[in-house]
Structure formats: structure tokens, C-alpha cells
Amino acid sequence: MGLFDTVELYDDVHLPEYPEGITPAEDVDWQTKGIDRPTMATFRITADGRLLEEEWHTEAVPPEDRPYASRDDVDEEDLLYMAGCRNRVHDGWIERDDYHGRFELKHSFENLDTLVTYQVTFTHGQLEGFERLR
């Protein structure tokens, strides 16, 4: 399994050879491990071919709002007590005009027998195109 990043596509981003009869590409959370080191970050590809990366910070979640901290069988020494102790808060988007390279987008659709995979190429922060691999 491991870490991955999420890539969202704006409306009007066209993926070649996109399978018919499945969720529209812009409604899919695509996964990649190819932009920098995966850190569970979120990226967006805009209709005009820019790559954006989400900026965020975390805030503390009080124990009463965590999924396990209020259970009788979980005390403060238990690892489950800390589950959900931080919440990610969106701060905006930064343009990754420095990105130069290729990465793969992947998504597994329930009604298809294969993982849908595209190779994405950026040159100095500008989208060059998509190529369907699978």
C-alpha cells in the first residue's frame, strides 16, 4: 500500500481514450506516487494546463471529537486515543510552475477489469499532455 498523492482534474481537462460509461474523469480522485515523494498531498490539473498543489495546516481536535478517545476501553496511553487528533485545514493553492517531468495517474473502477492509468507530461510547469497506458 504506502503513501500516495491525490490528483484532481478540472472540468474541461480531456483524457484521451477515456472509457465510456464510467465516472467522469473530473469526478475521480486520481492517485499518483510520481510527483516528488508521496505525502498524501492534493494536486490539481487546471483546464489551462497548470499544476497546483494544496497548501494546508493542521489544527488540534479535542478528545471528545476524536473517533476513539471517548470510548471506555481506550485510555490516554492507548495509541487509539491519538487517532484523529489533528485535522487538515485548507489554506489555498500554489502553482507548481517548477514541475518538469512525467508521472502516472491511476484509478481502479469497480465495473472495469483493469486499473485505468495515464502518463502525464509537464514541461516547466505546463501540461504537455496525457497518454493512456492501461
N, C-alpha and C. Protein backbone atom coordinates (compact mmCIF):
# COMPACT_ATOMS: atom_id res chain seq x y z
N MET A 1 0.84 -1.17 0.00
CA MET A 1 0.00 0.00 0.00
C MET A 1 0.89 1.24 0.00
N GLY A 2 1.15 1.88 1.11
CA GLY A 2 2.04 3.01 1.17
C GLY A 2 1.36 4.34 0.89
N LEU A 3 2.17 5.39 0.96
CA LEU A 3 1.66 6.73 0.73
C LEU A 3 1.46 7.00 -0.75
N PHE A 4 0.54 7.91 -1.04
CA PHE A 4 0.30 8.36 -2.41
C PHE A 4 -0.19 9.79 -2.33
N ASP A 5 -0.29 10.46 -3.46
CA ASP A 5 -0.88 11.78 -3.56
C ASP A 5 -2.15 11.67 -4.39
N THR A 6 -3.04 12.62 -4.22
CA THR A 6 -4.28 12.68 -4.97
C THR A 6 -4.16 13.76 -6.03
N VAL A 7 -4.68 13.48 -7.23
CA VAL A 7 -4.70 14.46 -8.31
C VAL A 7 -6.14 14.64 -8.75
N GLU A 8 -6.60 15.88 -8.72
CA GLU A 8 -7.93 16.23 -9.18
C GLU A 8 -7.81 16.91 -10.54
N LEU A 9 -8.78 16.66 -11.40
CA LEU A 9 -8.79 17.28 -12.72
C LEU A 9 -9.93 18.29 -12.80
N TYR A 10 -9.64 19.48 -13.29
CA TYR A 10 -10.68 20.47 -13.53
C TYR A 10 -11.59 19.99 -14.65
N ASP A 11 -12.81 20.54 -14.68
CA ASP A 11 -13.68 20.32 -15.84
C ASP A 11 -12.92 20.80 -17.08
N ASP A 12 -13.21 20.21 -18.19
CA ASP A 12 -12.58 20.55 -19.49
C ASP A 12 -11.16 20.02 -19.63
N VAL A 13 -10.68 19.21 -18.68
CA VAL A 13 -9.41 18.50 -18.88
C VAL A 13 -9.77 17.20 -19.58
N HIS A 14 -9.25 17.01 -20.77
CA HIS A 14 -9.62 15.85 -21.59
C HIS A 14 -8.57 14.76 -21.47
N LEU A 15 -9.02 13.56 -21.09
CA LEU A 15 -8.15 12.38 -21.07
C LEU A 15 -8.42 11.56 -22.32
N PRO A 16 -7.40 11.31 -23.14
CA PRO A 16 -7.61 10.52 -24.36
C PRO A 16 -7.96 9.08 -24.04
N GLU A 17 -8.79 8.50 -24.86
CA GLU A 17 -9.19 7.09 -24.74
C GLU A 17 -9.82 6.80 -23.37
N TYR A 18 -10.52 7.76 -22.81
CA TYR A 18 -11.17 7.56 -21.52
C TYR A 18 -12.35 6.61 -21.70
N PRO A 19 -12.45 5.57 -20.86
CA PRO A 19 -13.52 4.58 -21.02
C PRO A 19 -14.91 5.20 -20.91
N GLU A 20 -15.82 4.72 -21.72
CA GLU A 20 -17.19 5.21 -21.69
C GLU A 20 -17.98 4.51 -20.59
N GLY A 21 -19.00 5.20 -20.09
CA GLY A 21 -19.92 4.60 -19.15
C GLY A 21 -19.43 4.52 -17.72
N ILE A 22 -18.36 5.24 -17.38
CA ILE A 22 -17.87 5.25 -16.01
C ILE A 22 -17.90 6.69 -15.49
N THR A 23 -17.52 6.87 -14.24
CA THR A 23 -17.50 8.18 -13.62
C THR A 23 -16.69 9.16 -14.46
N PRO A 24 -17.20 10.37 -14.69
CA PRO A 24 -16.43 11.36 -15.44
C PRO A 24 -15.06 11.61 -14.80
N ALA A 25 -14.05 11.80 -15.62
CA ALA A 25 -12.67 11.92 -15.13
C ALA A 25 -12.50 13.03 -14.11
N GLU A 26 -13.25 14.13 -14.25
CA GLU A 26 -13.11 15.24 -13.31
C GLU A 26 -13.75 14.96 -11.96
N ASP A 27 -14.54 13.88 -11.86
CA ASP A 27 -15.16 13.49 -10.59
C ASP A 27 -14.38 12.39 -9.87
N VAL A 28 -13.24 12.02 -10.41
CA VAL A 28 -12.43 10.93 -9.86
C VAL A 28 -11.25 11.51 -9.08
N ASP A 29 -10.95 10.93 -7.94
CA ASP A 29 -9.72 11.26 -7.22
C ASP A 29 -8.65 10.30 -7.72
N TRP A 30 -7.81 10.80 -8.60
CA TRP A 30 -6.73 10.00 -9.18
C TRP A 30 -5.59 9.90 -8.18
N GLN A 31 -4.86 8.79 -8.22
CA GLN A 31 -3.72 8.61 -7.33
C GLN A 31 -2.43 8.62 -8.13
N THR A 32 -1.37 9.12 -7.49
CA THR A 32 -0.04 9.09 -8.07
C THR A 32 0.99 8.94 -6.97
N LYS A 33 2.12 8.38 -7.35
CA LYS A 33 3.28 8.33 -6.47
C LYS A 33 4.46 9.01 -7.15
N GLY A 34 4.18 9.74 -8.25
CA GLY A 34 5.26 10.22 -9.10
C GLY A 34 5.59 11.70 -9.03
N ILE A 35 4.87 12.49 -8.22
CA ILE A 35 5.20 13.91 -8.08
C ILE A 35 5.95 14.05 -6.76
N ASP A 36 7.21 14.37 -6.83
CA ASP A 36 8.03 14.44 -5.61
C ASP A 36 7.90 13.12 -4.85
N ARG A 37 8.05 13.17 -3.54
CA ARG A 37 7.80 12.00 -2.70
C ARG A 37 6.35 12.05 -2.25
N PRO A 38 5.63 10.94 -2.32
CA PRO A 38 4.22 10.97 -1.91
C PRO A 38 4.07 11.29 -0.43
N THR A 39 3.17 12.25 -0.14
CA THR A 39 2.95 12.68 1.24
C THR A 39 1.47 12.88 1.55
N MET A 40 0.60 12.25 0.77
CA MET A 40 -0.84 12.42 0.92
C MET A 40 -1.26 13.85 0.60
N ALA A 41 -0.52 14.49 -0.31
CA ALA A 41 -0.83 15.84 -0.77
C ALA A 41 -1.93 15.77 -1.83
N THR A 42 -2.53 16.91 -2.12
CA THR A 42 -3.53 17.01 -3.17
C THR A 42 -3.03 17.99 -4.23
N PHE A 43 -3.10 17.55 -5.48
CA PHE A 43 -2.72 18.37 -6.62
C PHE A 43 -3.94 18.55 -7.51
N ARG A 44 -3.90 19.58 -8.34
CA ARG A 44 -4.94 19.80 -9.34
C ARG A 44 -4.28 20.12 -10.66
N ILE A 45 -4.89 19.61 -11.72
CA ILE A 45 -4.50 20.00 -13.08
C ILE A 45 -5.63 20.86 -13.62
N THR A 46 -5.32 22.09 -13.98
CA THR A 46 -6.34 23.04 -14.42
C THR A 46 -6.64 22.87 -15.90
N ALA A 47 -7.74 23.47 -16.33
CA ALA A 47 -8.15 23.39 -17.73
C ALA A 47 -7.11 24.04 -18.64
N ASP A 48 -6.37 25.03 -18.14
CA ASP A 48 -5.34 25.67 -18.97
C ASP A 48 -3.96 25.03 -18.78
N GLY A 49 -3.91 23.85 -18.13
CA GLY A 49 -2.69 23.05 -18.08
C GLY A 49 -1.69 23.41 -17.00
N ARG A 50 -2.15 24.03 -15.93
CA ARG A 50 -1.25 24.33 -14.82
C ARG A 50 -1.37 23.24 -13.75
N LEU A 51 -0.30 23.05 -12.99
CA LEU A 51 -0.28 22.10 -11.89
C LEU A 51 -0.31 22.90 -10.59
N LEU A 52 -1.33 22.64 -9.76
CA LEU A 52 -1.48 23.33 -8.48
C LEU A 52 -1.30 22.32 -7.35
N GLU A 53 -0.75 22.79 -6.23
CA GLU A 53 -0.61 21.95 -5.04
C GLU A 53 -1.31 22.63 -3.88
N GLU A 54 -2.07 21.84 -3.12
CA GLU A 54 -2.81 22.38 -1.98
C GLU A 54 -1.85 22.76 -0.85
N GLU A 55 -2.09 23.93 -0.29
CA GLU A 55 -1.40 24.33 0.94
C GLU A 55 -2.37 24.13 2.09
N TRP A 56 -1.86 23.67 3.22
CA TRP A 56 -2.72 23.40 4.36
C TRP A 56 -1.91 23.45 5.65
N HIS A 57 -2.63 23.51 6.75
CA HIS A 57 -2.04 23.39 8.07
C HIS A 57 -2.94 22.46 8.89
N THR A 58 -2.48 22.07 10.06
CA THR A 58 -3.31 21.21 10.90
C THR A 58 -3.70 21.94 12.17
N GLU A 59 -4.84 21.53 12.70
CA GLU A 59 -5.33 22.05 13.97
C GLU A 59 -5.66 20.87 14.88
N ALA A 60 -5.52 21.11 16.17
CA ALA A 60 -5.81 20.07 17.16
C ALA A 60 -7.31 19.78 17.21
N VAL A 61 -7.63 18.51 17.40
CA VAL A 61 -9.02 18.07 17.58
C VAL A 61 -9.17 17.66 19.03
N PRO A 62 -10.15 18.22 19.74
CA PRO A 62 -10.31 17.85 21.15
C PRO A 62 -10.70 16.38 21.30
N PRO A 63 -10.31 15.75 22.41
CA PRO A 63 -10.58 14.32 22.59
C PRO A 63 -12.04 13.92 22.38
N GLU A 64 -12.97 14.76 22.78
CA GLU A 64 -14.39 14.41 22.64
C GLU A 64 -14.85 14.33 21.18
N ASP A 65 -14.07 14.90 20.27
CA ASP A 65 -14.43 14.86 18.85
C ASP A 65 -13.62 13.81 18.07
N ARG A 66 -12.79 13.05 18.73
CA ARG A 66 -11.99 12.01 18.08
C ARG A 66 -12.78 10.70 18.06
N PRO A 67 -12.47 9.82 17.10
CA PRO A 67 -13.28 8.61 16.96
C PRO A 67 -13.18 7.60 18.11
N TYR A 68 -12.04 7.55 18.83
CA TYR A 68 -11.87 6.52 19.87
C TYR A 68 -11.61 7.07 21.26
N ALA A 69 -11.24 8.32 21.38
CA ALA A 69 -10.78 8.86 22.66
C ALA A 69 -11.84 8.80 23.76
N SER A 70 -13.11 8.84 23.41
CA SER A 70 -14.15 8.84 24.43
C SER A 70 -14.66 7.43 24.79
N ARG A 71 -14.09 6.41 24.16
CA ARG A 71 -14.52 5.04 24.50
C ARG A 71 -13.99 4.63 25.86
N ASP A 72 -14.77 3.83 26.57
CA ASP A 72 -14.39 3.37 27.90
C ASP A 72 -13.16 2.46 27.89
N ASP A 73 -12.96 1.72 26.79
CA ASP A 73 -11.85 0.78 26.72
C ASP A 73 -10.56 1.41 26.17
N VAL A 74 -10.55 2.73 25.97
CA VAL A 74 -9.37 3.43 25.44
C VAL A 74 -8.96 4.50 26.46
N ASP A 75 -7.71 4.40 26.94
CA ASP A 75 -7.22 5.43 27.85
C ASP A 75 -6.15 6.27 27.15
N GLU A 76 -5.64 7.29 27.83
CA GLU A 76 -4.70 8.23 27.23
C GLU A 76 -3.38 7.59 26.82
N GLU A 77 -3.06 6.43 27.34
CA GLU A 77 -1.83 5.74 26.99
C GLU A 77 -1.99 4.90 25.72
N ASP A 78 -3.21 4.68 25.32
CA ASP A 78 -3.52 3.84 24.15
C ASP A 78 -3.28 4.64 22.87
N LEU A 79 -2.69 4.00 21.88
CA LEU A 79 -2.45 4.65 20.58
C LEU A 79 -3.76 5.11 19.93
N LEU A 80 -4.84 4.37 20.12
CA LEU A 80 -6.13 4.76 19.55
C LEU A 80 -6.62 6.10 20.08
N TYR A 81 -6.20 6.47 21.29
CA TYR A 81 -6.59 7.75 21.87
C TYR A 81 -6.16 8.92 20.97
N MET A 82 -5.03 8.76 20.32
CA MET A 82 -4.48 9.83 19.48
C MET A 82 -5.07 9.84 18.06
N ALA A 83 -5.74 8.78 17.66
CA ALA A 83 -6.31 8.72 16.30
C ALA A 83 -7.26 9.89 16.09
N GLY A 84 -7.04 10.63 15.02
CA GLY A 84 -7.89 11.76 14.70
C GLY A 84 -7.59 13.00 15.52
N CYS A 85 -6.39 13.10 16.09
CA CYS A 85 -6.07 14.22 16.97
C CYS A 85 -5.71 15.50 16.21
N ARG A 86 -5.49 15.40 14.91
CA ARG A 86 -5.18 16.58 14.09
C ARG A 86 -6.13 16.60 12.90
N ASN A 87 -6.53 17.77 12.49
CA ASN A 87 -7.42 17.95 11.35
C ASN A 87 -6.74 18.85 10.33
N ARG A 88 -6.76 18.45 9.07
CA ARG A 88 -6.15 19.23 8.00
C ARG A 88 -7.09 20.36 7.60
N VAL A 89 -6.54 21.59 7.50
CA VAL A 89 -7.31 22.77 7.14
C VAL A 89 -6.73 23.37 5.86
N HIS A 90 -7.57 23.54 4.86
CA HIS A 90 -7.17 24.07 3.55
C HIS A 90 -6.80 25.55 3.66
N ASP A 91 -5.63 25.92 3.11
CA ASP A 91 -5.17 27.32 3.10
C ASP A 91 -5.17 27.94 1.71
N GLY A 92 -5.27 27.13 0.67
CA GLY A 92 -5.23 27.67 -0.69
C GLY A 92 -4.43 26.76 -1.62
N TRP A 93 -4.10 27.29 -2.77
CA TRP A 93 -3.37 26.53 -3.79
C TRP A 93 -2.16 27.32 -4.24
N ILE A 94 -1.04 26.61 -4.47
CA ILE A 94 0.14 27.25 -5.04
C ILE A 94 0.40 26.63 -6.40
N GLU A 95 0.87 27.44 -7.32
CA GLU A 95 1.18 26.94 -8.66
C GLU A 95 2.55 26.29 -8.65
N ARG A 96 2.62 25.08 -9.21
CA ARG A 96 3.88 24.35 -9.29
C ARG A 96 4.49 24.59 -10.67
N ASP A 97 4.84 25.84 -10.95
CA ASP A 97 5.40 26.18 -12.26
C ASP A 97 6.84 25.68 -12.42
N ASP A 98 7.38 25.06 -11.36
CA ASP A 98 8.72 24.48 -11.41
C ASP A 98 8.71 23.01 -11.82
N TYR A 99 7.50 22.40 -11.87
CA TYR A 99 7.46 20.95 -12.11
C TYR A 99 7.80 20.64 -13.57
N HIS A 100 8.75 19.74 -13.75
CA HIS A 100 9.21 19.34 -15.08
C HIS A 100 9.43 17.84 -15.04
N GLY A 101 8.56 17.09 -15.73
CA GLY A 101 8.73 15.65 -15.74
C GLY A 101 7.44 14.93 -16.06
N ARG A 102 7.45 13.63 -15.76
CA ARG A 102 6.29 12.77 -16.01
C ARG A 102 5.89 12.06 -14.72
N PHE A 103 4.59 11.77 -14.64
CA PHE A 103 4.09 10.95 -13.55
C PHE A 103 2.86 10.21 -14.05
N GLU A 104 2.47 9.17 -13.34
CA GLU A 104 1.31 8.38 -13.72
C GLU A 104 0.13 8.71 -12.82
N LEU A 105 -1.06 8.74 -13.42
CA LEU A 105 -2.34 8.85 -12.71
C LEU A 105 -2.98 7.49 -12.77
N LYS A 106 -3.57 7.04 -11.65
CA LYS A 106 -4.21 5.71 -11.64
C LYS A 106 -5.53 5.79 -10.87
N HIS A 107 -6.47 4.96 -11.32
CA HIS A 107 -7.73 4.79 -10.60
C HIS A 107 -8.31 3.43 -10.95
N SER A 108 -8.85 2.78 -9.94
CA SER A 108 -9.48 1.48 -10.13
C SER A 108 -11.00 1.68 -10.10
N PHE A 109 -11.66 1.37 -11.20
CA PHE A 109 -13.10 1.48 -11.30
C PHE A 109 -13.73 0.12 -11.05
N GLU A 110 -14.80 0.08 -10.27
CA GLU A 110 -15.44 -1.19 -9.91
C GLU A 110 -15.90 -1.99 -11.12
N ASN A 111 -16.44 -1.31 -12.13
CA ASN A 111 -17.02 -2.03 -13.26
C ASN A 111 -16.04 -2.28 -14.41
N LEU A 112 -14.74 -2.05 -14.19
CA LEU A 112 -13.73 -2.35 -15.20
C LEU A 112 -12.79 -3.42 -14.66
N ASP A 113 -12.25 -4.22 -15.54
CA ASP A 113 -11.34 -5.29 -15.12
C ASP A 113 -9.90 -4.83 -14.96
N THR A 114 -9.62 -3.57 -15.27
CA THR A 114 -8.25 -3.10 -15.25
C THR A 114 -8.13 -1.76 -14.53
N LEU A 115 -6.95 -1.49 -14.06
CA LEU A 115 -6.62 -0.21 -13.47
C LEU A 115 -6.45 0.78 -14.62
N VAL A 116 -7.15 1.90 -14.59
CA VAL A 116 -7.00 2.91 -15.65
C VAL A 116 -5.79 3.77 -15.29
N THR A 117 -4.83 3.83 -16.21
CA THR A 117 -3.56 4.51 -15.95
C THR A 117 -3.22 5.44 -17.10
N TYR A 118 -2.81 6.65 -16.74
CA TYR A 118 -2.34 7.65 -17.72
C TYR A 118 -0.96 8.13 -17.31
N GLN A 119 -0.15 8.44 -18.31
CA GLN A 119 1.11 9.13 -18.07
C GLN A 119 0.87 10.60 -18.39
N VAL A 120 1.29 11.46 -17.47
CA VAL A 120 1.11 12.90 -17.61
C VAL A 120 2.49 13.53 -17.79
N THR A 121 2.61 14.43 -18.76
CA THR A 121 3.88 15.09 -19.02
C THR A 121 3.74 16.60 -18.81
N PHE A 122 4.63 17.15 -17.98
CA PHE A 122 4.71 18.59 -17.76
C PHE A 122 6.08 19.07 -18.17
N THR A 123 6.13 20.23 -18.83
CA THR A 123 7.39 20.87 -19.18
C THR A 123 7.39 22.26 -18.55
N HIS A 124 8.29 22.43 -17.59
CA HIS A 124 8.42 23.70 -16.87
C HIS A 124 7.06 24.22 -16.40
N GLY A 125 6.31 23.35 -15.73
CA GLY A 125 5.05 23.73 -15.12
C GLY A 125 3.85 23.78 -16.04
N GLN A 126 4.02 23.45 -17.31
CA GLN A 126 2.90 23.50 -18.26
C GLN A 126 2.60 22.08 -18.77
N LEU A 127 1.33 21.71 -18.73
CA LEU A 127 0.91 20.40 -19.20
C LEU A 127 1.20 20.25 -20.69
N GLU A 128 1.89 19.17 -21.04
CA GLU A 128 2.14 18.84 -22.45
C GLU A 128 1.09 17.86 -22.95
N GLY A 129 0.64 16.95 -22.06
CA GLY A 129 -0.39 16.02 -22.49
C GLY A 129 -0.50 14.78 -21.61
N PHE A 130 -1.51 13.98 -21.97
CA PHE A 130 -1.80 12.72 -21.30
C PHE A 130 -1.64 11.59 -22.30
N GLU A 131 -1.16 10.45 -21.84
CA GLU A 131 -1.09 9.25 -22.68
C GLU A 131 -1.69 8.10 -21.88
N ARG A 132 -2.67 7.43 -22.48
CA ARG A 132 -3.28 6.28 -21.81
C ARG A 132 -2.32 5.10 -21.87
N LEU A 133 -1.99 4.54 -20.72
CA LEU A 133 -1.10 3.38 -20.63
C LEU A 133 -1.87 2.09 -20.47
N ARG A 134 -2.97 2.11 -19.70
CA ARG A 134 -3.81 0.93 -19.45
C ARG A 134 -5.24 1.35 -19.35
